[in-house]
Amino acid sequence: MLTAALVESPAQLLNVIEWADTAGEPAGQVQVFILAPTNDMSRRQLRAMAVLAREAGLDVAWHEPRLGGAETARTVRALAGSLTGVGRLVIGDPFSGVIQVVLSVVRAEEVVIVDDGTATMEFARQWQAGESLARWHQQATAGQRGQIVRFARDQISASVRRRLGPGSACRLSAFSCLPVDLGSSAVVANTYAWTKRRFPAPVVKPSADLAGTSLVETGVVDLGAYLAGVALLAKSHGVDRYFAHRKESDVKLERIRMLGLHIVRLELPLEIGARTGSVGARVISFPSTVVHTLPLALSDTAAEVIVCDIGEGWLTSRAAAGSNAFLRQVNSTARHRFGLAAVAC
């Protein structure tokens, strides 16, 4: 069966590699289409991941759908042609507008969803509940234009549901490291087996590392509260190194550097970056995908992953209703699955 994958982030591409490895896909049988983002660090990591994907036997093509409306339309038309005859479609973000448009026009016998962070958990919940597909932190735009955008998004979401729903001829499944339930659709566990084979276990240093998040950049968490939390963790738990999320701003990272932490801008996703060079004996994280991925990616090391909840007072006025409950669920499910310790911040 011909297989094509649509990815928009370094983590998605890593998970496509893991899926192909687990599924035993022969070299040259998976075509990956990278739908490039505009964020510089995301693009750098994607280019580095593309090298690894090609080494793993995947064919990789680069597209630029976000350089304007004309480029988006051109990319969708090109993909519609390239995906003709593809039997299996692997997608990294079912909430992506570009990917939803492609799903609404391309027919495939099978669609596999690989993780795009904790969004997979919210996708599974929305899918089971029959809700419109929208990111957990996404806000409706005010005014008439916002209503038009919402209507268009809901129409595309409804089309995707018809293409992938139980009454369709398409089989839906997921490849995930997260605790997700898609009802009658199969979910195959991602254990990061390829990552652990490809990259040897790192040296474990005695101090602690802190994994950064983009919760400030997405408008969910207040910058001052976040910086105060980082400062407290650095002082209380011996954190000396901060793994920056690819979407964190330079201004925010400079503020964190002034707290005395060494900022690490990884060229690859943290699941790989933590296995290259050294990793802290304790890796602390706010609510984030890495509280689910790192216990798997570092399972053959002595490093301990620790979670840190955020308080209700950290949230901005722009945060969507239910944000705190969702973030607590991210941490609580990881604690339950892996027996992770928690710290206050």
Protein backbone atom coordinates (compact mmCIF):
# COMPACT_ATOMS: atom_id res chain seq x y z
CA MET A 1 0.00 0.00 0.00
CA LEU A 2 1.33 3.44 -0.94
CA THR A 3 1.81 5.61 2.16
CA ALA A 4 2.13 9.38 2.42
CA ALA A 5 2.68 11.46 5.55
CA LEU A 6 1.83 15.13 6.12
CA VAL A 7 3.86 16.79 8.90
CA GLU A 8 4.24 20.35 10.14
CA SER A 9 6.57 20.04 13.13
CA PRO A 10 9.80 18.25 14.11
CA ALA A 11 7.96 16.09 16.69
CA GLN A 12 5.45 14.98 14.07
CA LEU A 13 8.25 13.93 11.73
CA LEU A 14 9.99 12.05 14.53
CA ASN A 15 6.76 10.20 15.23
CA VAL A 16 6.32 9.32 11.57
CA ILE A 17 9.80 7.76 11.65
CA GLU A 18 8.82 5.85 14.80
CA TRP A 19 5.56 4.72 13.17
CA ALA A 20 7.33 3.47 10.02
CA ASP A 21 9.85 1.62 12.19
CA THR A 22 7.16 -0.02 14.32
CA ALA A 23 5.03 -0.89 11.28
CA GLY A 24 8.03 -2.37 9.48
CA GLU A 25 7.53 -0.20 6.41
CA PRO A 26 10.18 -1.00 3.73
CA ALA A 27 12.65 1.71 2.75
CA GLY A 28 11.31 3.99 0.04
CA GLN A 29 7.65 3.10 0.67
CA VAL A 30 6.77 6.18 2.74
CA GLN A 31 6.64 9.64 1.15
CA VAL A 32 6.78 12.49 3.67
CA PHE A 33 5.47 15.93 2.72
CA ILE A 34 6.72 18.62 5.10
CA LEU A 35 4.29 21.55 5.30
CA ALA A 36 6.81 24.05 6.58
CA PRO A 37 5.92 26.45 9.41
CA THR A 38 7.23 30.01 9.59
CA ASN A 39 8.94 29.77 13.00
CA ASP A 40 12.73 29.77 12.50
CA MET A 41 13.57 27.15 15.16
CA SER A 42 10.81 24.85 13.92
CA ARG A 43 12.22 25.08 10.40
CA ARG A 44 15.76 24.38 11.60
CA GLN A 45 14.65 21.34 13.57
CA LEU A 46 12.54 20.10 10.66
CA ARG A 47 15.51 20.30 8.31
CA ALA A 48 17.62 18.34 10.80
CA MET A 49 14.83 15.78 11.22
CA ALA A 50 14.49 15.49 7.43
CA VAL A 51 18.09 14.28 7.29
CA LEU A 52 17.32 11.60 9.89
CA ALA A 53 14.13 10.62 8.07
CA ARG A 54 16.00 10.10 4.81
CA GLU A 55 18.63 8.05 6.66
CA ALA A 56 15.77 5.92 8.02
CA GLY A 57 14.58 5.21 4.46
CA LEU A 58 11.76 7.75 4.08
CA ASP A 59 11.40 9.99 1.03
CA VAL A 60 11.00 13.64 2.05
CA ALA A 61 9.64 16.65 0.14
CA TRP A 62 9.46 20.23 1.43
CA HIS A 63 6.47 22.53 0.82
CA GLU A 64 5.82 26.17 1.82
CA PRO A 65 2.04 26.53 2.35
CA ARG A 66 2.31 29.44 4.78
CA LEU A 67 3.91 32.08 2.56
CA GLY A 68 0.50 33.53 1.66
CA GLY A 69 -2.90 32.52 0.35
CA ALA A 70 -1.62 31.77 -3.15
CA GLU A 71 1.05 29.42 -1.79
CA THR A 72 -1.51 27.64 0.40
CA ALA A 73 -3.78 27.02 -2.59
CA ARG A 74 -0.81 25.94 -4.73
CA THR A 75 0.34 23.49 -2.03
CA VAL A 76 -3.12 21.96 -1.62
CA ARG A 77 -3.44 21.50 -5.41
CA ALA A 78 0.03 19.93 -5.59
CA LEU A 79 -0.74 17.59 -2.70
CA ALA A 80 -4.08 16.58 -4.19
CA GLY A 81 -2.18 15.44 -7.27
CA SER A 82 0.69 13.81 -5.39
CA LEU A 83 -1.68 11.91 -3.10
CA THR A 84 -3.72 10.38 -5.90
CA GLY A 85 -3.59 6.61 -5.47
CA VAL A 86 -2.22 6.77 -1.91
CA GLY A 87 -3.85 4.08 0.20
CA ARG A 88 -2.64 5.20 3.62
CA LEU A 89 -2.30 8.77 4.86
CA VAL A 90 -0.30 9.49 8.03
CA ILE A 91 -1.01 12.90 9.54
CA GLY A 92 0.67 14.73 12.38
CA ASP A 93 -1.97 17.33 13.22
CA PRO A 94 -5.70 16.73 12.65
CA PHE A 95 -6.37 20.34 13.81
CA SER A 96 -4.24 21.90 11.05
CA GLY A 97 -6.28 23.94 8.59
CA VAL A 98 -4.10 22.88 5.65
CA ILE A 99 -4.27 19.19 6.59
CA GLN A 100 -8.02 19.36 7.15
CA VAL A 101 -8.50 20.80 3.66
CA VAL A 102 -6.34 18.01 2.20
CA LEU A 103 -8.31 15.38 4.16
CA SER A 104 -11.56 16.78 2.84
CA VAL A 105 -10.52 16.30 -0.81
CA VAL A 106 -8.22 13.23 -0.76
CA ARG A 107 -9.60 9.72 -0.49
CA ALA A 108 -7.51 7.14 1.33
CA GLU A 109 -8.36 3.68 2.62
CA GLU A 110 -6.60 4.35 5.91
CA VAL A 111 -5.65 7.42 7.98
CA VAL A 112 -3.14 7.13 10.82
CA ILE A 113 -2.76 9.96 13.32
CA VAL A 114 0.63 10.38 14.98
CA ASP A 115 1.22 12.63 17.97
CA ASP A 116 1.38 16.38 17.67
CA GLY A 117 1.95 16.98 21.36
CA THR A 118 -0.88 16.77 23.85
CA ALA A 119 -3.27 17.86 21.08
CA THR A 120 -3.78 14.15 20.37
CA MET A 121 -5.52 13.80 23.74
CA GLU A 122 -7.91 16.62 22.92
CA PHE A 123 -8.51 15.26 19.42
CA ALA A 124 -9.50 11.89 20.89
CA ARG A 125 -11.90 13.55 23.34
CA GLN A 126 -13.48 15.73 20.65
CA TRP A 127 -13.73 12.81 18.24
CA GLN A 128 -15.49 10.63 20.81
CA ALA A 129 -17.83 13.49 21.78
CA GLY A 130 -18.68 14.37 18.17
CA GLU A 131 -17.44 17.94 18.60
CA SER A 132 -15.95 20.28 16.01
CA LEU A 133 -12.18 19.81 15.79
CA ALA A 134 -10.42 22.80 17.38
CA ARG A 135 -7.27 23.18 19.49
CA TRP A 136 -7.84 23.24 23.25
CA HIS A 137 -6.40 26.78 23.60
CA GLN A 138 -8.03 28.16 20.45
CA GLN A 139 -10.31 31.16 20.89
CA ALA A 140 -13.05 32.28 18.53
CA THR A 141 -12.21 35.57 16.83
CA ALA A 142 -14.57 38.37 17.83
CA GLY A 143 -16.87 40.08 15.35
CA GLN A 144 -18.27 39.19 11.95
CA ARG A 145 -14.94 38.03 10.54
CA GLY A 146 -14.53 35.70 13.52
CA GLN A 147 -17.96 34.19 12.84
CA ILE A 148 -17.04 33.62 9.20
CA VAL A 149 -13.74 31.97 10.20
CA ARG A 150 -15.53 29.77 12.75
CA PHE A 151 -18.20 28.78 10.17
CA ALA A 152 -15.59 27.87 7.54
CA ARG A 153 -13.57 25.87 10.08
CA ASP A 154 -16.67 23.98 11.25
CA GLN A 155 -17.63 23.19 7.64
CA ILE A 156 -14.19 21.73 6.92
CA SER A 157 -14.21 19.86 10.25
CA ALA A 158 -17.60 18.33 9.37
CA SER A 159 -16.21 17.23 5.99
CA VAL A 160 -13.24 15.58 7.71
CA ARG A 161 -15.61 13.75 10.07
CA ARG A 162 -17.60 12.40 7.13
CA ARG A 163 -14.41 11.18 5.44
CA LEU A 164 -13.07 9.48 8.59
CA GLY A 165 -16.26 8.58 10.47
CA PRO A 166 -17.60 5.07 11.22
CA GLY A 167 -19.90 5.14 8.18
CA SER A 168 -17.07 5.90 5.75
CA ALA A 169 -14.85 3.48 3.87
CA CYS A 170 -11.78 4.92 5.60
CA ARG A 171 -10.12 3.20 8.57
CA LEU A 172 -8.93 5.58 11.30
CA SER A 173 -6.18 4.63 13.73
CA ALA A 174 -3.58 6.34 15.90
CA PHE A 175 0.07 5.82 16.76
CA SER A 176 0.60 7.50 20.10
CA CYS A 177 2.61 7.58 23.30
CA LEU A 178 -0.33 9.28 25.02
CA PRO A 179 -3.34 7.77 26.83
CA VAL A 180 -5.88 8.17 24.03
CA ASP A 181 -9.10 6.34 23.22
CA LEU A 182 -10.64 6.49 19.76
CA GLY A 183 -13.45 4.06 20.49
CA SER A 184 -13.50 1.30 17.87
CA SER A 185 -10.42 2.72 16.13
CA ALA A 186 -7.10 1.08 16.92
CA VAL A 187 -4.37 2.83 18.89
CA VAL A 188 -0.80 1.48 18.60
CA ALA A 189 1.67 2.47 21.33
CA ASN A 190 4.72 4.55 20.44
CA THR A 191 7.59 3.48 22.71
CA TYR A 192 10.34 5.51 20.95
CA ALA A 193 12.12 2.28 20.08
CA TRP A 194 13.81 3.80 16.99
CA THR A 195 15.06 6.81 18.99
CA LYS A 196 16.61 4.61 21.64
CA ARG A 197 18.31 2.41 19.05
CA ARG A 198 19.53 5.32 16.95
CA PHE A 199 20.90 7.45 19.82
CA PRO A 200 22.87 5.86 22.67
CA ALA A 201 21.96 6.49 26.29
CA PRO A 202 23.33 9.88 27.47
CA VAL A 203 25.57 10.69 30.39
CA VAL A 204 23.42 11.55 33.43
CA LYS A 205 24.70 14.66 35.23
CA PRO A 206 23.94 15.26 38.94
CA SER A 207 22.03 18.55 38.54
CA ALA A 208 18.54 19.11 37.14
CA ASP A 209 17.25 20.25 33.75
CA LEU A 210 14.04 22.16 33.10
CA ALA A 211 12.03 21.57 29.92
CA GLY A 212 10.55 24.79 28.57
CA THR A 213 7.05 25.22 27.16
CA SER A 214 5.33 27.66 24.80
CA LEU A 215 2.35 28.25 27.12
CA VAL A 216 3.30 31.93 27.38
CA GLU A 217 3.60 32.30 23.62
CA THR A 218 0.18 30.71 23.03
CA GLY A 219 -1.38 33.21 25.46
CA VAL A 220 -2.35 30.63 28.10
CA VAL A 221 0.11 31.48 30.89
CA ASP A 222 1.22 34.87 32.20
CA LEU A 223 4.89 35.67 31.57
CA GLY A 224 5.54 36.97 35.09
CA ALA A 225 4.03 33.88 36.71
CA TYR A 226 6.05 31.62 34.41
CA LEU A 227 9.33 33.39 35.19
CA ALA A 228 8.60 33.23 38.92
CA GLY A 229 7.99 29.50 38.62
CA VAL A 230 11.25 28.98 36.73
CA ALA A 231 13.16 30.98 39.36
CA LEU A 232 11.65 28.92 42.20
CA LEU A 233 12.49 25.62 40.52
CA ALA A 234 16.06 26.75 39.82
CA LYS A 235 16.57 27.72 43.45
CA SER A 236 14.76 24.79 45.08
CA HIS A 237 15.79 21.88 42.85
CA GLY A 238 19.25 22.70 41.50
CA VAL A 239 18.13 23.44 37.94
CA ASP A 240 21.05 24.81 35.94
CA ARG A 241 19.96 24.19 32.37
CA TYR A 242 16.83 25.14 30.45
CA PHE A 243 15.82 23.23 27.31
CA ALA A 244 14.02 25.86 25.23
CA HIS A 245 10.86 24.97 23.36
CA ARG A 246 11.22 25.72 19.65
CA LYS A 247 8.43 28.34 19.83
CA GLU A 248 9.74 30.29 22.84
CA SER A 249 10.63 33.90 22.15
CA ASP A 250 14.16 35.25 22.40
CA VAL A 251 12.98 37.98 24.79
CA LYS A 252 11.54 35.44 27.23
CA LEU A 253 14.61 33.22 27.01
CA GLU A 254 16.86 36.18 27.79
CA ARG A 255 14.82 36.81 30.95
CA ILE A 256 15.33 33.15 31.91
CA ARG A 257 19.05 33.39 31.19
CA MET A 258 19.24 36.34 33.60
CA LEU A 259 17.93 33.98 36.31
CA GLY A 260 21.23 32.10 36.02
CA LEU A 261 20.14 29.22 33.79
CA HIS A 262 22.02 28.05 30.72
CA ILE A 263 19.68 28.16 27.72
CA VAL A 264 19.90 25.20 25.33
CA ARG A 265 18.39 25.65 21.85
CA LEU A 266 18.20 22.10 20.54
CA GLU A 267 18.59 21.31 16.84
CA LEU A 268 16.37 18.24 17.27
CA PRO A 269 13.25 17.44 19.35
CA LEU A 270 13.87 17.04 23.09
CA GLU A 271 13.23 13.28 22.92
CA ILE A 272 16.39 13.05 20.83
CA GLY A 273 18.22 16.06 22.29
CA ALA A 274 18.04 14.61 25.79
CA ARG A 275 19.90 11.53 24.53
CA THR A 276 22.78 13.46 23.00
CA GLY A 277 25.58 14.60 25.29
CA SER A 278 24.17 14.69 28.81
CA VAL A 279 20.86 14.91 30.64
CA GLY A 280 20.03 15.92 34.20
CA ALA A 281 19.43 13.33 36.89
CA ARG A 282 16.09 15.10 37.20
CA VAL A 283 14.23 16.55 34.22
CA ILE A 284 11.45 18.83 35.45
CA SER A 285 8.60 19.93 33.21
CA PHE A 286 5.50 22.07 33.41
CA PRO A 287 2.38 20.48 31.80
CA SER A 288 3.68 19.45 28.40
CA THR A 289 3.90 16.52 26.01
CA VAL A 290 7.37 15.70 27.31
CA VAL A 291 5.99 14.43 30.64
CA HIS A 292 4.63 11.56 28.51
CA THR A 293 7.42 11.22 25.95
CA LEU A 294 10.57 11.55 28.07
CA PRO A 295 9.75 8.67 30.47
CA LEU A 296 9.72 6.48 27.34
CA ALA A 297 12.65 8.07 25.51
CA LEU A 298 14.82 7.95 28.67
CA SER A 299 13.56 4.61 30.00
CA ASP A 300 17.01 3.03 29.61
CA THR A 301 18.72 5.75 31.68
CA ALA A 302 18.84 6.76 35.34
CA ALA A 303 17.25 10.15 34.61
CA GLU A 304 14.00 10.90 36.47
CA VAL A 305 11.18 12.93 34.92
CA ILE A 306 9.33 15.16 37.40
CA VAL A 307 6.13 17.14 36.80
CA CYS A 308 5.22 20.60 38.05
CA ASP A 309 1.60 21.78 37.97
CA ILE A 310 0.72 25.39 37.31
CA GLY A 311 -1.76 27.30 39.43
CA GLU A 312 -5.04 28.86 38.34
CA GLY A 313 -3.45 32.26 38.99
CA TRP A 314 -0.90 31.63 36.23
CA LEU A 315 -3.55 31.79 33.50
CA THR A 316 -4.11 34.91 31.41
CA SER A 317 -7.50 36.43 30.68
CA ARG A 318 -7.11 35.10 27.14
CA ALA A 319 -6.84 31.47 28.24
CA ALA A 320 -9.69 29.30 27.02
CA ALA A 321 -12.19 27.97 29.52
CA GLY A 322 -11.01 24.62 30.82
CA SER A 323 -7.32 25.33 30.18
CA ASN A 324 -6.29 24.61 33.76
CA ALA A 325 -8.28 21.37 33.86
CA PHE A 326 -6.68 20.20 30.61
CA LEU A 327 -3.16 21.05 31.78
CA ARG A 328 -3.72 19.24 35.08
CA GLN A 329 -4.96 16.22 33.16
CA VAL A 330 -1.75 16.20 31.11
CA ASN A 331 0.32 15.96 34.30
CA SER A 332 -1.99 13.67 36.28
CA THR A 333 -2.21 11.06 33.52
CA ALA A 334 1.59 11.04 33.19
CA ARG A 335 2.01 10.68 36.96
CA HIS A 336 -0.41 7.76 36.98
CA ARG A 337 1.11 6.00 33.95
CA PHE A 338 4.77 6.33 34.89
CA GLY A 339 4.72 6.89 38.64
CA LEU A 340 6.28 10.34 38.24
CA ALA A 341 7.05 12.53 41.24
CA ALA A 342 5.73 16.09 41.40
CA VAL A 343 7.20 19.34 42.73
CA ALA A 344 5.58 22.65 43.63
CA CYS A 345 6.44 25.84 41.77
